[in-house]
């Protein structure tokens, strides 16, 4: 959900559509990505849409102006999941190689940090608090991480 009227979807071909829930019609479409869309997030204002993709990029869309603002450098690995942390000032992406990639807001080119440590792909991540992240890995283990340090692993 982008807001109470808009829902964003991404498909296997890299297409992102925004749907008006009142008319059930697509009102925006972006075809910037070259592979599947794995995660869609919005900022607190609902004006910026972030998309992770199997093409190895994080795309940043300006919903107000209906356009792509910027795409990150290609990370050479699938970006599979994403979460906002640090009051929305950081974006953490889980990757196919088990590494967390971190971007600072508005510095979308290359990552500002990376934290290896998961044994396989990070298929899900969600911020529990502003400094605590929960990740789901292909090995079936759910991990809680703070500053990308594994605090607790649960089966």
Protein backbone atom coordinates (compact mmCIF):
# COMPACT_ATOMS: atom_id res chain seq x y z
CA UNK A 1 0.00 0.00 0.00
CA UNK A 2 1.30 3.39 -0.96
CA UNK A 3 -1.63 5.13 0.71
CA UNK A 4 -5.33 4.41 1.25
CA UNK A 5 -5.99 4.86 -2.51
CA UNK A 6 -2.89 3.38 -4.16
CA UNK A 7 -1.40 -0.10 -4.22
CA UNK A 8 1.95 -0.84 -5.88
CA UNK A 9 2.75 -4.16 -7.57
CA UNK A 10 5.85 -5.51 -9.28
CA UNK A 11 6.06 -8.41 -11.71
CA UNK A 12 8.58 -10.98 -12.93
CA UNK A 13 9.51 -8.84 -15.94
CA UNK A 14 10.49 -5.77 -13.90
CA UNK A 15 7.28 -3.78 -14.46
CA UNK A 16 5.88 -1.76 -11.56
CA UNK A 17 2.26 -0.59 -11.57
CA UNK A 18 0.37 1.62 -9.18
CA UNK A 19 -3.32 0.82 -8.92
CA UNK A 20 -6.17 3.07 -7.84
CA UNK A 21 -8.23 1.00 -5.41
CA UNK A 22 -11.36 3.00 -6.23
CA UNK A 23 -11.34 2.36 -9.97
CA UNK A 24 -9.29 -0.89 -10.02
CA UNK A 25 -7.18 0.60 -12.84
CA UNK A 26 -3.45 1.13 -13.18
CA UNK A 27 -2.69 4.85 -12.88
CA UNK A 28 1.12 4.68 -13.17
CA UNK A 29 3.54 2.26 -14.78
CA UNK A 30 7.32 2.02 -14.67
CA UNK A 31 9.37 -0.31 -16.88
CA UNK A 32 12.85 0.62 -15.74
CA UNK A 33 13.98 -2.73 -14.31
CA UNK A 34 15.26 -5.64 -16.36
CA UNK A 35 14.36 -8.50 -14.00
CA UNK A 36 11.80 -9.39 -11.31
CA UNK A 37 10.71 -6.91 -8.66
CA UNK A 38 11.33 -8.42 -5.25
CA UNK A 39 10.33 -5.65 -2.84
CA UNK A 40 8.47 -2.35 -2.89
CA UNK A 41 8.69 0.26 -0.10
CA UNK A 42 7.55 3.84 0.31
CA UNK A 43 8.93 6.59 2.47
CA UNK A 44 6.81 8.03 5.27
CA UNK A 45 5.32 10.69 2.99
CA UNK A 46 4.29 8.21 0.30
CA UNK A 47 5.99 10.37 -2.35
CA UNK A 48 8.97 8.07 -2.97
CA UNK A 49 8.75 4.41 -4.00
CA UNK A 50 11.78 2.14 -3.65
CA UNK A 51 12.04 -1.09 -5.64
CA UNK A 52 14.57 -3.90 -5.33
CA UNK A 53 15.11 -6.15 -8.30
CA UNK A 54 16.72 -9.32 -9.50
CA UNK A 55 18.73 -7.15 -11.89
CA UNK A 56 20.85 -6.07 -8.91
CA UNK A 57 19.60 -2.50 -8.60
CA UNK A 58 17.65 -0.39 -6.16
CA UNK A 59 15.32 1.96 -8.07
CA UNK A 60 13.96 5.19 -6.59
CA UNK A 61 10.73 6.54 -8.10
CA UNK A 62 9.22 9.98 -7.57
CA UNK A 63 5.47 9.29 -7.37
CA UNK A 64 4.58 12.96 -7.43
CA UNK A 65 6.26 13.48 -10.80
CA UNK A 66 5.58 9.95 -12.11
CA UNK A 67 9.21 9.26 -12.95
CA UNK A 68 12.33 7.34 -12.04
CA UNK A 69 14.62 9.56 -9.97
CA UNK A 70 17.66 7.29 -9.88
CA UNK A 71 18.88 3.70 -9.94
CA UNK A 72 21.73 2.43 -7.84
CA UNK A 73 24.88 1.01 -9.31
CA UNK A 74 24.45 -2.63 -10.28
CA UNK A 75 25.39 -4.73 -7.24
CA UNK A 76 26.15 -7.86 -9.32
CA UNK A 77 23.79 -9.85 -7.08
CA UNK A 78 20.00 -10.11 -6.78
CA UNK A 79 18.43 -7.69 -4.31
CA UNK A 80 15.66 -9.74 -2.68
CA UNK A 81 14.30 -7.77 0.28
CA UNK A 82 14.42 -4.31 1.82
CA UNK A 83 13.59 -2.34 4.95
CA UNK A 84 13.88 1.24 6.14
CA UNK A 85 15.84 1.82 9.35
CA UNK A 86 17.27 4.75 11.32
CA UNK A 87 14.07 6.77 11.01
CA UNK A 88 14.03 6.26 7.24
CA UNK A 89 17.56 7.59 6.72
CA UNK A 90 18.95 4.17 5.71
CA UNK A 91 17.73 1.43 3.37
CA UNK A 92 18.89 -2.12 4.09
CA UNK A 93 18.61 -4.70 1.30
CA UNK A 94 18.97 -8.44 1.66
CA UNK A 95 20.91 -10.03 -1.19
CA UNK A 96 21.10 -13.38 -2.90
CA UNK A 97 24.62 -13.97 -1.59
CA UNK A 98 23.69 -13.55 2.09
CA UNK A 99 25.01 -10.01 2.44
CA UNK A 100 23.07 -6.98 3.72
CA UNK A 101 23.66 -3.88 1.57
CA UNK A 102 22.99 -0.48 3.11
CA UNK A 103 22.29 2.81 1.37
CA UNK A 104 22.03 6.23 2.97
CA UNK A 105 18.91 8.13 1.88
CA UNK A 106 19.58 10.29 -1.20
CA UNK A 107 22.97 8.64 -1.79
CA UNK A 108 21.74 5.99 -4.18
CA UNK A 109 24.77 5.32 -6.37
CA UNK A 110 26.80 2.79 -4.46
CA UNK A 111 26.18 1.25 -1.06
CA UNK A 112 27.45 3.01 2.04
CA UNK A 113 28.08 -0.26 3.85
CA UNK A 114 27.75 -4.03 3.54
CA UNK A 115 27.49 -6.74 6.15
CA UNK A 116 28.13 -10.39 5.28
CA UNK A 117 27.14 -13.14 7.67
CA UNK A 118 24.08 -14.99 6.42
CA UNK A 119 24.92 -18.41 4.97
CA UNK A 120 22.57 -17.99 1.99
CA UNK A 121 20.12 -15.56 0.40
CA UNK A 122 18.24 -13.08 2.58
CA UNK A 123 14.71 -13.45 1.25
CA UNK A 124 12.93 -11.22 3.77
CA UNK A 125 13.76 -8.36 6.09
CA UNK A 126 11.68 -6.01 8.16
CA UNK A 127 12.56 -3.34 10.68
CA UNK A 128 11.31 -4.24 14.15
CA UNK A 129 12.49 -0.96 15.63
CA UNK A 130 14.60 1.86 14.22
CA UNK A 131 17.78 -0.06 15.03
CA UNK A 132 16.63 -3.70 15.03
CA UNK A 133 16.17 -5.71 11.85
CA UNK A 134 14.58 -9.13 11.44
CA UNK A 135 15.81 -11.21 8.49
CA UNK A 136 14.58 -14.43 6.95
CA UNK A 137 17.20 -16.52 5.20
CA UNK A 138 16.96 -19.39 2.73
CA UNK A 139 18.39 -21.71 5.42
CA UNK A 140 15.09 -21.36 7.34
CA UNK A 141 16.55 -19.36 10.22
CA UNK A 142 15.07 -16.04 11.34
CA UNK A 143 17.70 -13.66 12.65
CA UNK A 144 17.49 -10.43 14.62
CA UNK A 145 20.27 -8.01 13.83
CA UNK A 146 21.35 -4.68 15.23
CA UNK A 147 24.03 -2.85 13.28
CA UNK A 148 24.09 -6.12 11.26
CA UNK A 149 25.36 -8.10 14.26
CA UNK A 150 23.41 -11.27 14.79
CA UNK A 151 21.82 -11.09 18.24
CA UNK A 152 19.49 -14.05 18.18
CA UNK A 153 18.78 -16.87 15.78
CA UNK A 154 15.49 -18.77 15.86
CA UNK A 155 14.27 -21.77 13.91
